[in-house]
Amino acid sequence: MANSSGRPSRKPPARRRPRPAAARLLAFNKPFGVLCQFSDGERRATLKDFIDVPDVYPAGRLDRDSEGLLLLTNDGRLQARIAHPRQKMIKTYWAQVEGEPDTGQLDGLRAGPKLKDGATAPADVAVMAEPALWTRDPPVRYRKTVPTTWLEIRIAEGRNRQVRRMTAAVGLPTLRLVRAAVGDWALGPLSPGQWCEIDIGGGGRP
C-alpha cells in the first residue's frame, strides 16, 4: 500500500496494553456450578455473585462443573503469562475417577491420550490419597458397586474440558474435578466462594 508520495506506507507499530498502575492478582476458590464469567443471561451463578472487585478478569477458564483455583487479574500481560498456551504454565488437578486404574490406563494418561481434536501432550499423573476437601454441593453420585480413585494430574495445555476427556479416553470417567494449583500459586486454605489477594511476584500459597 502506497501513500500520496508513491512510497510504501509503513504499518504503525502495535500498541501495547498499558500496565495498570496497581496490578492485582486474586485467588478464588470457584464452587461447583459457578460460571467462569461475570454475567449470564440465564441467571446462573457467576463470579459477580462472589467477587466485588472492579476491572479484574479470569486468567484462564474453569468449567462450570469443576471446582478450585481460579486466578483473576487486572493486568493484561500477567493474564497472558498465566493463560496463554505458549507459556505452558503447569496446572495441577485432583480428579476423582470411577474405577481403579491399572498400569495401562495410567501409562495412557501419561503418554497423552488421543482425543477428537488430536493427541494431548504428555501429563504427569499419580494416584493420590483422598484429599481433605469440602463437601460438594450437590454431592457426587456414586455407584455402590464401583470403587473410585483420586488422581493428581498435571498438564500444561488448556483444551476445553481436557482432564475429563483424558480420563474418559482411558476408561476412567471423572466424577469430581478440583484445580489445586496454577504454576506456583496453590489453592491453599480458601473455602468455596472465598477469594483473597496474592503476591504477584512470589507465586506462593494464598
N, C-alpha and C. Protein backbone atom coordinates (compact mmCIF):
# COMPACT_ATOMS: atom_id res chain seq x y z
N MET A 1 0.85 -1.20 0.00
CA MET A 1 0.00 0.00 0.00
C MET A 1 0.88 1.24 0.00
N ALA A 2 0.60 2.21 -0.90
CA ALA A 2 1.45 3.40 -1.04
C ALA A 2 0.72 4.61 -0.50
N ASN A 3 1.51 5.61 -0.05
CA ASN A 3 0.93 6.87 0.39
C ASN A 3 0.89 7.84 -0.77
N SER A 4 0.54 9.12 -0.48
CA SER A 4 0.39 10.11 -1.56
C SER A 4 1.69 10.37 -2.29
N SER A 5 2.84 10.10 -1.68
CA SER A 5 4.13 10.34 -2.34
C SER A 5 4.54 9.18 -3.22
N GLY A 6 3.76 8.13 -3.21
CA GLY A 6 4.09 6.96 -4.01
C GLY A 6 4.97 5.95 -3.30
N ARG A 7 5.44 6.28 -2.10
CA ARG A 7 6.28 5.38 -1.35
C ARG A 7 5.42 4.43 -0.51
N PRO A 8 5.89 3.22 -0.27
CA PRO A 8 5.12 2.27 0.55
C PRO A 8 4.89 2.83 1.95
N SER A 9 3.68 2.67 2.42
CA SER A 9 3.35 3.13 3.76
C SER A 9 3.83 2.13 4.79
N ARG A 10 4.33 2.65 5.89
CA ARG A 10 4.74 1.79 6.97
C ARG A 10 3.58 1.52 7.91
N LYS A 11 3.44 0.27 8.31
CA LYS A 11 2.38 -0.09 9.24
C LYS A 11 2.72 0.47 10.62
N PRO A 12 1.77 1.18 11.21
CA PRO A 12 2.06 1.75 12.55
C PRO A 12 2.33 0.65 13.55
N PRO A 13 3.23 0.87 14.48
CA PRO A 13 3.55 -0.16 15.48
C PRO A 13 2.33 -0.49 16.33
N ALA A 14 2.23 -1.76 16.69
CA ALA A 14 1.10 -2.19 17.52
C ALA A 14 1.21 -1.56 18.91
N ARG A 15 0.09 -1.13 19.42
CA ARG A 15 0.08 -0.52 20.73
C ARG A 15 -0.04 -1.58 21.81
N ARG A 16 0.85 -1.52 22.77
CA ARG A 16 0.77 -2.44 23.89
C ARG A 16 -0.26 -1.95 24.90
N ARG A 17 -0.97 -2.91 25.48
CA ARG A 17 -1.93 -2.55 26.51
C ARG A 17 -1.18 -1.99 27.70
N PRO A 18 -1.55 -0.77 28.13
CA PRO A 18 -0.82 -0.17 29.27
C PRO A 18 -0.99 -1.00 30.52
N ARG A 19 0.08 -1.12 31.28
CA ARG A 19 0.02 -1.85 32.54
C ARG A 19 -0.66 -0.97 33.58
N PRO A 20 -1.63 -1.54 34.32
CA PRO A 20 -2.30 -0.72 35.33
C PRO A 20 -1.33 -0.23 36.39
N ALA A 21 -1.70 0.92 36.98
CA ALA A 21 -0.81 1.50 37.99
C ALA A 21 -0.59 0.53 39.15
N ALA A 22 -1.63 -0.20 39.51
CA ALA A 22 -1.52 -1.15 40.62
C ALA A 22 -2.04 -2.51 40.12
N ALA A 23 -1.11 -3.34 39.64
CA ALA A 23 -1.50 -4.66 39.17
C ALA A 23 -1.96 -5.51 40.34
N ARG A 24 -3.06 -6.24 40.14
CA ARG A 24 -3.62 -7.06 41.20
C ARG A 24 -3.81 -8.49 40.71
N LEU A 25 -3.68 -9.43 41.63
CA LEU A 25 -3.91 -10.84 41.33
C LEU A 25 -4.73 -11.43 42.47
N LEU A 26 -5.87 -12.01 42.12
CA LEU A 26 -6.76 -12.61 43.10
C LEU A 26 -6.79 -14.12 42.92
N ALA A 27 -6.88 -14.83 44.03
CA ALA A 27 -7.11 -16.27 44.01
C ALA A 27 -8.53 -16.51 44.51
N PHE A 28 -9.27 -17.30 43.76
CA PHE A 28 -10.68 -17.57 44.09
C PHE A 28 -10.90 -19.07 44.08
N ASN A 29 -11.58 -19.58 45.10
CA ASN A 29 -11.98 -20.99 45.11
C ASN A 29 -13.36 -21.08 44.49
N LYS A 30 -13.39 -21.41 43.21
CA LYS A 30 -14.66 -21.43 42.47
C LYS A 30 -15.49 -22.64 42.87
N PRO A 31 -16.72 -22.41 43.35
CA PRO A 31 -17.56 -23.55 43.70
C PRO A 31 -18.12 -24.26 42.47
N PHE A 32 -18.58 -25.47 42.67
CA PHE A 32 -19.28 -26.22 41.64
C PHE A 32 -20.51 -25.43 41.19
N GLY A 33 -20.76 -25.40 39.87
CA GLY A 33 -21.95 -24.77 39.34
C GLY A 33 -21.84 -23.29 39.06
N VAL A 34 -20.66 -22.69 39.30
CA VAL A 34 -20.46 -21.26 39.05
C VAL A 34 -19.77 -21.07 37.71
N LEU A 35 -20.33 -20.17 36.89
CA LEU A 35 -19.73 -19.88 35.60
C LEU A 35 -18.48 -19.03 35.77
N CYS A 36 -17.51 -19.25 34.90
CA CYS A 36 -16.24 -18.53 34.96
C CYS A 36 -16.35 -17.22 34.17
N GLN A 37 -17.35 -16.40 34.53
CA GLN A 37 -17.59 -15.10 33.89
C GLN A 37 -18.41 -14.26 34.85
N PHE A 38 -18.56 -12.96 34.51
CA PHE A 38 -19.22 -12.05 35.45
C PHE A 38 -20.69 -11.78 35.12
N SER A 39 -21.20 -12.33 34.04
CA SER A 39 -22.61 -12.14 33.70
C SER A 39 -23.13 -13.35 32.96
N ASP A 40 -24.45 -13.53 33.01
CA ASP A 40 -25.07 -14.66 32.34
C ASP A 40 -26.54 -14.34 32.11
N GLY A 41 -27.00 -14.53 30.88
CA GLY A 41 -28.38 -14.23 30.54
C GLY A 41 -29.38 -15.22 31.10
N GLU A 42 -28.90 -16.35 31.61
CA GLU A 42 -29.81 -17.38 32.12
C GLU A 42 -29.90 -17.37 33.65
N ARG A 43 -29.36 -16.32 34.26
CA ARG A 43 -29.43 -16.13 35.70
C ARG A 43 -28.76 -17.26 36.49
N ARG A 44 -27.73 -17.84 35.91
CA ARG A 44 -26.95 -18.83 36.64
C ARG A 44 -25.89 -18.12 37.48
N ALA A 45 -25.35 -18.82 38.46
CA ALA A 45 -24.35 -18.22 39.33
C ALA A 45 -23.10 -17.86 38.54
N THR A 46 -22.55 -16.68 38.79
CA THR A 46 -21.35 -16.21 38.10
C THR A 46 -20.36 -15.65 39.13
N LEU A 47 -19.21 -15.22 38.64
CA LEU A 47 -18.20 -14.64 39.52
C LEU A 47 -18.70 -13.38 40.22
N LYS A 48 -19.65 -12.69 39.60
CA LYS A 48 -20.19 -11.46 40.19
C LYS A 48 -20.86 -11.72 41.53
N ASP A 49 -21.35 -12.94 41.73
CA ASP A 49 -22.01 -13.29 42.99
C ASP A 49 -21.02 -13.41 44.15
N PHE A 50 -19.72 -13.44 43.84
CA PHE A 50 -18.72 -13.68 44.88
C PHE A 50 -17.63 -12.61 44.94
N ILE A 51 -17.34 -11.97 43.80
CA ILE A 51 -16.19 -11.06 43.73
C ILE A 51 -16.65 -9.67 43.35
N ASP A 52 -16.48 -8.72 44.25
CA ASP A 52 -16.86 -7.33 44.01
C ASP A 52 -15.60 -6.48 43.90
N VAL A 53 -14.82 -6.78 42.87
CA VAL A 53 -13.58 -6.05 42.62
C VAL A 53 -13.63 -5.55 41.18
N PRO A 54 -13.49 -4.25 40.94
CA PRO A 54 -13.60 -3.74 39.57
C PRO A 54 -12.40 -4.11 38.69
N ASP A 55 -12.70 -4.34 37.42
CA ASP A 55 -11.68 -4.45 36.37
C ASP A 55 -10.74 -5.64 36.53
N VAL A 56 -11.18 -6.72 37.15
CA VAL A 56 -10.39 -7.95 37.16
C VAL A 56 -11.09 -8.98 36.30
N TYR A 57 -10.29 -9.82 35.63
CA TYR A 57 -10.83 -10.80 34.70
C TYR A 57 -10.11 -12.13 34.90
N PRO A 58 -10.79 -13.24 34.61
CA PRO A 58 -10.15 -14.55 34.79
C PRO A 58 -8.92 -14.72 33.92
N ALA A 59 -7.88 -15.28 34.49
CA ALA A 59 -6.68 -15.66 33.75
C ALA A 59 -6.79 -17.15 33.46
N GLY A 60 -7.48 -17.48 32.39
CA GLY A 60 -7.79 -18.87 32.09
C GLY A 60 -9.23 -19.18 32.47
N ARG A 61 -9.63 -20.42 32.21
CA ARG A 61 -11.00 -20.83 32.44
C ARG A 61 -11.06 -22.02 33.39
N LEU A 62 -12.25 -22.24 33.93
CA LEU A 62 -12.52 -23.42 34.75
C LEU A 62 -13.98 -23.77 34.51
N ASP A 63 -14.22 -25.01 34.08
CA ASP A 63 -15.57 -25.42 33.71
C ASP A 63 -16.57 -25.19 34.83
N ARG A 64 -17.82 -25.01 34.46
CA ARG A 64 -18.88 -24.78 35.45
C ARG A 64 -18.96 -25.92 36.46
N ASP A 65 -18.76 -27.16 36.01
CA ASP A 65 -18.88 -28.30 36.91
C ASP A 65 -17.55 -28.71 37.52
N SER A 66 -16.54 -27.86 37.41
CA SER A 66 -15.26 -28.08 38.08
C SER A 66 -15.12 -27.07 39.22
N GLU A 67 -14.24 -27.37 40.15
CA GLU A 67 -14.06 -26.55 41.34
C GLU A 67 -12.60 -26.15 41.49
N GLY A 68 -12.37 -25.23 42.43
CA GLY A 68 -10.99 -24.95 42.81
C GLY A 68 -10.44 -23.64 42.32
N LEU A 69 -9.12 -23.59 42.17
CA LEU A 69 -8.40 -22.34 41.99
C LEU A 69 -8.66 -21.68 40.64
N LEU A 70 -9.10 -20.43 40.72
CA LEU A 70 -9.23 -19.56 39.56
C LEU A 70 -8.49 -18.28 39.89
N LEU A 71 -7.59 -17.87 39.00
CA LEU A 71 -6.85 -16.62 39.18
C LEU A 71 -7.51 -15.52 38.36
N LEU A 72 -7.58 -14.33 38.93
CA LEU A 72 -8.13 -13.16 38.25
C LEU A 72 -7.15 -12.01 38.40
N THR A 73 -7.06 -11.18 37.36
CA THR A 73 -6.13 -10.06 37.41
C THR A 73 -6.66 -8.90 36.59
N ASN A 74 -6.16 -7.71 36.87
CA ASN A 74 -6.46 -6.53 36.08
C ASN A 74 -5.31 -6.20 35.12
N ASP A 75 -4.32 -7.06 35.07
CA ASP A 75 -3.11 -6.83 34.27
C ASP A 75 -3.13 -7.75 33.05
N GLY A 76 -3.24 -7.15 31.86
CA GLY A 76 -3.34 -7.94 30.64
C GLY A 76 -2.13 -8.80 30.37
N ARG A 77 -0.93 -8.26 30.65
CA ARG A 77 0.27 -9.04 30.39
C ARG A 77 0.40 -10.21 31.36
N LEU A 78 0.01 -9.99 32.61
CA LEU A 78 0.02 -11.08 33.57
C LEU A 78 -1.02 -12.13 33.20
N GLN A 79 -2.17 -11.68 32.75
CA GLN A 79 -3.22 -12.60 32.31
C GLN A 79 -2.72 -13.50 31.19
N ALA A 80 -2.02 -12.91 30.23
CA ALA A 80 -1.47 -13.69 29.12
C ALA A 80 -0.38 -14.65 29.60
N ARG A 81 0.45 -14.21 30.53
CA ARG A 81 1.52 -15.08 31.04
C ARG A 81 0.96 -16.31 31.74
N ILE A 82 -0.17 -16.14 32.39
CA ILE A 82 -0.79 -17.26 33.10
C ILE A 82 -1.56 -18.17 32.15
N ALA A 83 -2.30 -17.57 31.23
CA ALA A 83 -3.29 -18.34 30.47
C ALA A 83 -2.87 -18.73 29.06
N HIS A 84 -1.94 -18.00 28.44
CA HIS A 84 -1.64 -18.28 27.03
C HIS A 84 -0.94 -19.63 26.89
N PRO A 85 -1.39 -20.46 25.93
CA PRO A 85 -0.79 -21.79 25.75
C PRO A 85 0.71 -21.77 25.52
N ARG A 86 1.23 -20.70 24.92
CA ARG A 86 2.67 -20.66 24.65
C ARG A 86 3.50 -20.63 25.94
N GLN A 87 2.91 -20.16 27.01
CA GLN A 87 3.64 -20.07 28.27
C GLN A 87 3.80 -21.43 28.95
N LYS A 88 2.91 -22.37 28.61
CA LYS A 88 2.99 -23.74 29.14
C LYS A 88 3.05 -23.76 30.68
N MET A 89 2.23 -22.92 31.30
CA MET A 89 2.18 -22.93 32.76
C MET A 89 1.46 -24.19 33.24
N ILE A 90 2.05 -24.87 34.20
CA ILE A 90 1.51 -26.13 34.68
C ILE A 90 0.27 -25.88 35.55
N LYS A 91 -0.80 -26.63 35.25
CA LYS A 91 -1.99 -26.63 36.09
C LYS A 91 -2.11 -27.99 36.76
N THR A 92 -2.36 -27.98 38.07
CA THR A 92 -2.47 -29.22 38.84
C THR A 92 -3.92 -29.47 39.21
N TYR A 93 -4.40 -30.66 38.87
CA TYR A 93 -5.79 -31.03 39.14
C TYR A 93 -5.84 -32.27 40.02
N TRP A 94 -6.88 -32.32 40.85
CA TRP A 94 -7.20 -33.53 41.59
C TRP A 94 -8.49 -34.07 41.01
N ALA A 95 -8.42 -35.26 40.45
CA ALA A 95 -9.57 -35.85 39.77
C ALA A 95 -10.01 -37.12 40.49
N GLN A 96 -11.26 -37.16 40.87
CA GLN A 96 -11.85 -38.39 41.42
C GLN A 96 -12.47 -39.14 40.25
N VAL A 97 -11.93 -40.29 39.95
CA VAL A 97 -12.38 -41.05 38.79
C VAL A 97 -13.10 -42.32 39.23
N GLU A 98 -13.94 -42.81 38.35
CA GLU A 98 -14.67 -44.03 38.61
C GLU A 98 -13.79 -45.22 38.23
N GLY A 99 -13.62 -46.14 39.18
CA GLY A 99 -12.81 -47.32 38.92
C GLY A 99 -11.44 -47.25 39.59
N GLU A 100 -10.70 -48.34 39.44
CA GLU A 100 -9.34 -48.43 39.96
C GLU A 100 -8.39 -48.57 38.78
N PRO A 101 -7.63 -47.54 38.46
CA PRO A 101 -6.80 -47.56 37.25
C PRO A 101 -5.72 -48.62 37.30
N ASP A 102 -5.51 -49.26 36.16
CA ASP A 102 -4.41 -50.21 36.06
C ASP A 102 -3.21 -49.50 35.43
N THR A 103 -2.12 -50.22 35.31
CA THR A 103 -0.89 -49.62 34.78
C THR A 103 -1.08 -49.09 33.37
N GLY A 104 -1.83 -49.83 32.55
CA GLY A 104 -2.05 -49.40 31.17
C GLY A 104 -2.81 -48.10 31.09
N GLN A 105 -3.81 -47.93 31.95
CA GLN A 105 -4.59 -46.69 31.94
C GLN A 105 -3.75 -45.51 32.41
N LEU A 106 -2.96 -45.71 33.44
CA LEU A 106 -2.09 -44.63 33.92
C LEU A 106 -1.04 -44.27 32.88
N ASP A 107 -0.46 -45.28 32.25
CA ASP A 107 0.52 -45.01 31.19
C ASP A 107 -0.13 -44.28 30.02
N GLY A 108 -1.39 -44.63 29.73
CA GLY A 108 -2.10 -43.94 28.65
C GLY A 108 -2.30 -42.46 28.94
N LEU A 109 -2.62 -42.14 30.19
CA LEU A 109 -2.76 -40.74 30.57
C LEU A 109 -1.42 -40.02 30.50
N ARG A 110 -0.38 -40.67 30.96
CA ARG A 110 0.94 -40.04 30.97
C ARG A 110 1.46 -39.80 29.56
N ALA A 111 1.14 -40.69 28.64
CA ALA A 111 1.61 -40.54 27.27
C ALA A 111 0.84 -39.47 26.51
N GLY A 112 -0.39 -39.20 26.95
CA GLY A 112 -1.24 -38.24 26.25
C GLY A 112 -2.23 -38.96 25.36
N PRO A 113 -3.46 -39.24 25.86
CA PRO A 113 -4.43 -39.97 25.05
C PRO A 113 -4.89 -39.17 23.84
N LYS A 114 -5.36 -39.88 22.82
CA LYS A 114 -5.86 -39.24 21.61
C LYS A 114 -7.31 -38.83 21.82
N LEU A 115 -7.60 -37.55 21.61
CA LEU A 115 -8.94 -37.02 21.69
C LEU A 115 -9.43 -36.66 20.29
N LYS A 116 -10.66 -36.21 20.17
CA LYS A 116 -11.20 -35.88 18.85
C LYS A 116 -10.44 -34.73 18.19
N ASP A 117 -9.86 -33.85 19.01
CA ASP A 117 -9.09 -32.73 18.46
C ASP A 117 -7.58 -33.01 18.49
N GLY A 118 -7.22 -34.29 18.55
CA GLY A 118 -5.80 -34.66 18.47
C GLY A 118 -5.27 -35.17 19.79
N ALA A 119 -4.09 -35.74 19.73
CA ALA A 119 -3.47 -36.29 20.94
C ALA A 119 -3.05 -35.16 21.88
N THR A 120 -3.19 -35.40 23.16
CA THR A 120 -2.76 -34.41 24.14
C THR A 120 -1.27 -34.58 24.41
N ALA A 121 -0.69 -33.56 24.99
CA ALA A 121 0.72 -33.64 25.38
C ALA A 121 0.85 -34.58 26.58
N PRO A 122 2.03 -35.14 26.79
CA PRO A 122 2.24 -36.00 27.96
C PRO A 122 1.89 -35.26 29.25
N ALA A 123 1.40 -36.02 30.24
CA ALA A 123 0.99 -35.44 31.52
C ALA A 123 1.68 -36.16 32.66
N ASP A 124 1.83 -35.45 33.77
CA ASP A 124 2.29 -36.09 35.00
C ASP A 124 1.07 -36.60 35.74
N VAL A 125 1.02 -37.89 36.01
CA VAL A 125 -0.16 -38.50 36.64
C VAL A 125 0.29 -39.41 37.77
N ALA A 126 -0.38 -39.30 38.91
CA ALA A 126 -0.06 -40.16 40.05
C ALA A 126 -1.33 -40.44 40.83
N VAL A 127 -1.44 -41.67 41.33
CA VAL A 127 -2.53 -42.00 42.26
C VAL A 127 -2.24 -41.31 43.59
N MET A 128 -3.26 -40.73 44.20
CA MET A 128 -3.07 -40.00 45.45
C MET A 128 -4.11 -40.43 46.48
N ALA A 129 -3.82 -40.15 47.73
CA ALA A 129 -4.81 -40.37 48.78
C ALA A 129 -5.94 -39.36 48.62
N GLU A 130 -7.10 -39.71 49.11
CA GLU A 130 -8.23 -38.79 49.02
C GLU A 130 -7.90 -37.49 49.74
N PRO A 131 -7.97 -36.35 49.03
CA PRO A 131 -7.61 -35.08 49.67
C PRO A 131 -8.69 -34.64 50.66
N ALA A 132 -8.29 -33.82 51.61
CA ALA A 132 -9.22 -33.27 52.61
C ALA A 132 -9.92 -32.07 51.98
N LEU A 133 -11.08 -32.32 51.38
CA LEU A 133 -11.82 -31.28 50.68
C LEU A 133 -13.15 -31.01 51.37
N TRP A 134 -13.74 -29.90 51.01
CA TRP A 134 -15.08 -29.53 51.43
C TRP A 134 -16.09 -30.50 50.80
N THR A 135 -17.28 -30.57 51.35
CA THR A 135 -18.35 -31.37 50.77
C THR A 135 -18.93 -30.63 49.57
N ARG A 136 -19.01 -31.31 48.45
CA ARG A 136 -19.52 -30.65 47.26
C ARG A 136 -21.04 -30.53 47.33
N ASP A 137 -21.55 -29.43 46.81
CA ASP A 137 -22.99 -29.20 46.74
C ASP A 137 -23.36 -28.92 45.28
N PRO A 138 -24.06 -29.87 44.62
CA PRO A 138 -24.61 -31.13 45.13
C PRO A 138 -23.52 -32.19 45.27
N PRO A 139 -23.78 -33.21 46.09
CA PRO A 139 -22.76 -34.26 46.28
C PRO A 139 -22.56 -35.10 45.03
N VAL A 140 -21.40 -35.72 44.96
CA VAL A 140 -21.09 -36.62 43.84
C VAL A 140 -21.97 -37.85 43.95
N ARG A 141 -22.48 -38.32 42.82
CA ARG A 141 -23.29 -39.53 42.80
C ARG A 141 -22.39 -40.74 42.60
N TYR A 142 -22.44 -41.65 43.53
CA TYR A 142 -21.60 -42.84 43.48
C TYR A 142 -22.43 -44.06 43.09
N ARG A 143 -21.72 -45.06 42.57
CA ARG A 143 -22.32 -46.38 42.40
C ARG A 143 -21.70 -47.29 43.44
N LYS A 144 -22.52 -47.86 44.28
CA LYS A 144 -22.03 -48.63 45.42
C LYS A 144 -21.11 -49.77 45.01
N THR A 145 -21.33 -50.32 43.82
CA THR A 145 -20.55 -51.48 43.39
C THR A 145 -19.27 -51.10 42.65
N VAL A 146 -19.06 -49.80 42.45
CA VAL A 146 -17.89 -49.35 41.69
C VAL A 146 -17.01 -48.47 42.57
N PRO A 147 -15.75 -48.85 42.80
CA PRO A 147 -14.85 -48.02 43.61
C PRO A 147 -14.43 -46.76 42.86
N THR A 148 -13.89 -45.80 43.59
CA THR A 148 -13.36 -44.59 42.96
C THR A 148 -11.92 -44.39 43.39
N THR A 149 -11.19 -43.62 42.61
CA THR A 149 -9.77 -43.35 42.86
C THR A 149 -9.49 -41.87 42.62
N TRP A 150 -8.60 -41.31 43.44
CA TRP A 150 -8.17 -39.92 43.23
C TRP A 150 -6.83 -39.92 42.49
N LEU A 151 -6.77 -39.07 41.46
CA LEU A 151 -5.54 -38.90 40.69
C LEU A 151 -5.09 -37.45 40.74
N GLU A 152 -3.78 -37.24 40.85
CA GLU A 152 -3.21 -35.90 40.65
C GLU A 152 -2.71 -35.84 39.21
N ILE A 153 -3.23 -34.88 38.46
CA ILE A 153 -2.90 -34.75 37.04
C ILE A 153 -2.36 -33.36 36.79
N ARG A 154 -1.16 -33.29 36.23
CA ARG A 154 -0.52 -32.00 35.96
C ARG A 154 -0.32 -31.86 34.45
N ILE A 155 -0.91 -30.82 33.87
CA ILE A 155 -0.83 -30.59 32.43
C ILE A 155 -0.47 -29.14 32.15
N ALA A 156 0.08 -28.90 30.96
CA ALA A 156 0.44 -27.54 30.55
C ALA A 156 -0.48 -27.04 29.45
N GLU A 157 -1.38 -27.90 28.97
CA GLU A 157 -2.33 -27.48 27.95
C GLU A 157 -3.59 -26.93 28.62
N GLY A 158 -4.49 -26.40 27.80
CA GLY A 158 -5.73 -25.87 28.34
C GLY A 158 -6.90 -26.06 27.40
N ARG A 159 -7.05 -27.27 26.86
CA ARG A 159 -8.18 -27.52 25.97
C ARG A 159 -9.48 -27.58 26.76
N ASN A 160 -10.58 -27.41 26.03
CA ASN A 160 -11.89 -27.45 26.65
C ASN A 160 -12.13 -28.80 27.32
N ARG A 161 -12.43 -28.76 28.62
CA ARG A 161 -12.74 -29.96 29.41
C ARG A 161 -11.69 -31.06 29.23
N GLN A 162 -10.44 -30.65 29.18
CA GLN A 162 -9.37 -31.57 28.80
C GLN A 162 -9.19 -32.72 29.77
N VAL A 163 -9.12 -32.44 31.07
CA VAL A 163 -8.87 -33.52 32.02
C VAL A 163 -10.00 -34.54 31.99
N ARG A 164 -11.23 -34.08 31.94
CA ARG A 164 -12.37 -35.00 31.87
C ARG A 164 -12.31 -35.86 30.61
N ARG A 165 -11.95 -35.27 29.51
CA ARG A 165 -11.87 -36.03 28.25
C ARG A 165 -10.69 -37.01 28.27
N MET A 166 -9.60 -36.61 28.91
CA MET A 166 -8.44 -37.51 29.00
C MET A 166 -8.78 -38.76 29.81
N THR A 167 -9.39 -38.56 30.99
CA THR A 167 -9.69 -39.73 31.82
C THR A 167 -10.74 -40.61 31.16
N ALA A 168 -11.72 -39.99 30.51
CA ALA A 168 -12.74 -40.78 29.81
C ALA A 168 -12.13 -41.60 28.68
N ALA A 169 -11.12 -41.04 28.01
CA ALA A 169 -10.49 -41.73 26.88
C ALA A 169 -9.80 -43.02 27.29
N VAL A 170 -9.39 -43.12 28.56
CA VAL A 170 -8.72 -44.35 29.03
C VAL A 170 -9.65 -45.18 29.91
N GLY A 171 -10.96 -44.85 29.88
CA GLY A 171 -11.92 -45.65 30.62
C GLY A 171 -12.06 -45.33 32.08
N LEU A 172 -11.75 -44.08 32.46
CA LEU A 172 -11.84 -43.65 33.87
C LEU A 172 -12.65 -42.35 33.95
N PRO A 173 -13.96 -42.45 33.89
CA PRO A 173 -14.78 -41.22 33.92
C PRO A 173 -14.53 -40.41 35.18
N THR A 174 -14.42 -39.09 35.02
CA THR A 174 -14.21 -38.20 36.16
C THR A 174 -15.53 -37.88 36.84
N LEU A 175 -15.58 -38.09 38.14
CA LEU A 175 -16.76 -37.78 38.94
C LEU A 175 -16.66 -36.39 39.57
N ARG A 176 -15.45 -36.01 39.95
CA ARG A 176 -15.23 -34.71 40.58
C ARG A 176 -13.87 -34.20 40.16
N LEU A 177 -13.79 -32.89 39.88
CA LEU A 177 -12.53 -32.32 39.43
C LEU A 177 -12.26 -31.01 40.16
N VAL A 178 -11.10 -30.93 40.80
CA VAL A 178 -10.70 -29.76 41.56
C VAL A 178 -9.34 -29.28 41.06
N ARG A 179 -9.23 -28.01 40.71
CA ARG A 179 -7.92 -27.47 40.34
C ARG A 179 -7.23 -27.00 41.61
N ALA A 180 -6.08 -27.60 41.88
CA ALA A 180 -5.36 -27.34 43.13
C ALA A 180 -4.30 -26.26 42.99
N ALA A 181 -3.77 -26.06 41.78
CA ALA A 181 -2.69 -25.08 41.61
C ALA A 181 -2.58 -24.64 40.17
N VAL A 182 -2.10 -23.42 39.98
CA VAL A 182 -1.74 -22.88 38.66
C VAL A 182 -0.32 -22.37 38.80
N GLY A 183 0.62 -23.02 38.13
CA GLY A 183 2.01 -22.67 38.33
C GLY A 183 2.39 -22.90 39.79
N ASP A 184 2.98 -21.89 40.42
CA ASP A 184 3.35 -21.98 41.83
C ASP A 184 2.26 -21.45 42.76
N TRP A 185 1.16 -20.98 42.20
CA TRP A 185 0.07 -20.47 43.02
C TRP A 185 -0.87 -21.62 43.36
N ALA A 186 -1.01 -21.90 44.64
CA ALA A 186 -1.82 -23.03 45.09
C ALA A 186 -3.11 -22.53 45.74
N LEU A 187 -4.09 -23.43 45.79
CA LEU A 187 -5.40 -23.08 46.33
C LEU A 187 -5.32 -22.71 47.81
N GLY A 188 -4.50 -23.42 48.55
CA GLY A 188 -4.35 -23.10 49.96
C GLY A 188 -5.61 -23.34 50.77
N PRO A 189 -5.84 -22.55 51.82
CA PRO A 189 -6.95 -22.81 52.74
C PRO A 189 -8.28 -22.18 52.35
N LEU A 190 -8.38 -21.60 51.16
CA LEU A 190 -9.62 -20.94 50.77
C LEU A 190 -10.79 -21.92 50.73
N SER A 191 -11.91 -21.53 51.30
CA SER A 191 -13.13 -22.31 51.22
C SER A 191 -13.87 -21.95 49.93
N PRO A 192 -14.79 -22.80 49.48
CA PRO A 192 -15.54 -22.48 48.26
C PRO A 192 -16.24 -21.13 48.38
N GLY A 193 -16.07 -20.30 47.35
CA GLY A 193 -16.67 -18.97 47.34
C GLY A 193 -15.80 -17.89 47.94
N GLN A 194 -14.68 -18.26 48.55
CA GLN A 194 -13.78 -17.26 49.14
C GLN A 194 -12.69 -16.87 48.14
N TRP A 195 -12.22 -15.62 48.27
CA TRP A 195 -11.11 -15.16 47.45
C TRP A 195 -10.18 -14.33 48.33
N CYS A 196 -8.95 -14.17 47.86
CA CYS A 196 -8.00 -13.30 48.55
C CYS A 196 -7.01 -12.76 47.53
N GLU A 197 -6.35 -11.69 47.89
CA GLU A 197 -5.32 -11.11 47.03
C GLU A 197 -4.00 -11.79 47.33
N ILE A 198 -3.24 -12.10 46.30
CA ILE A 198 -1.99 -12.80 46.49
C ILE A 198 -0.84 -12.04 45.85
N ASP A 199 0.35 -12.38 46.26
CA ASP A 199 1.58 -11.72 45.81
C ASP A 199 1.86 -12.11 44.37
N ILE A 200 1.95 -11.13 43.49
CA ILE A 200 2.21 -11.40 42.08
C ILE A 200 3.62 -11.94 41.88
N GLY A 201 4.56 -11.40 42.61
CA GLY A 201 5.95 -11.79 42.40
C GLY A 201 6.30 -13.14 42.99
N GLY A 202 5.75 -13.42 44.17
CA GLY A 202 6.16 -14.62 44.88
C GLY A 202 5.61 -15.90 44.33
N GLY A 203 4.33 -15.89 43.93
CA GLY A 203 3.74 -17.09 43.39
C GLY A 203 3.60 -18.20 44.41
N GLY A 204 3.15 -17.86 45.61
CA GLY A 204 3.02 -18.87 46.64
C GLY A 204 1.58 -19.14 47.00
N ARG A 205 1.38 -19.72 48.16
CA ARG A 205 0.04 -20.05 48.58
C ARG A 205 -0.70 -18.79 49.01
N PRO A 206 -2.04 -18.74 48.76
CA PRO A 206 -2.82 -17.59 49.23
C PRO A 206 -2.77 -17.49 50.74
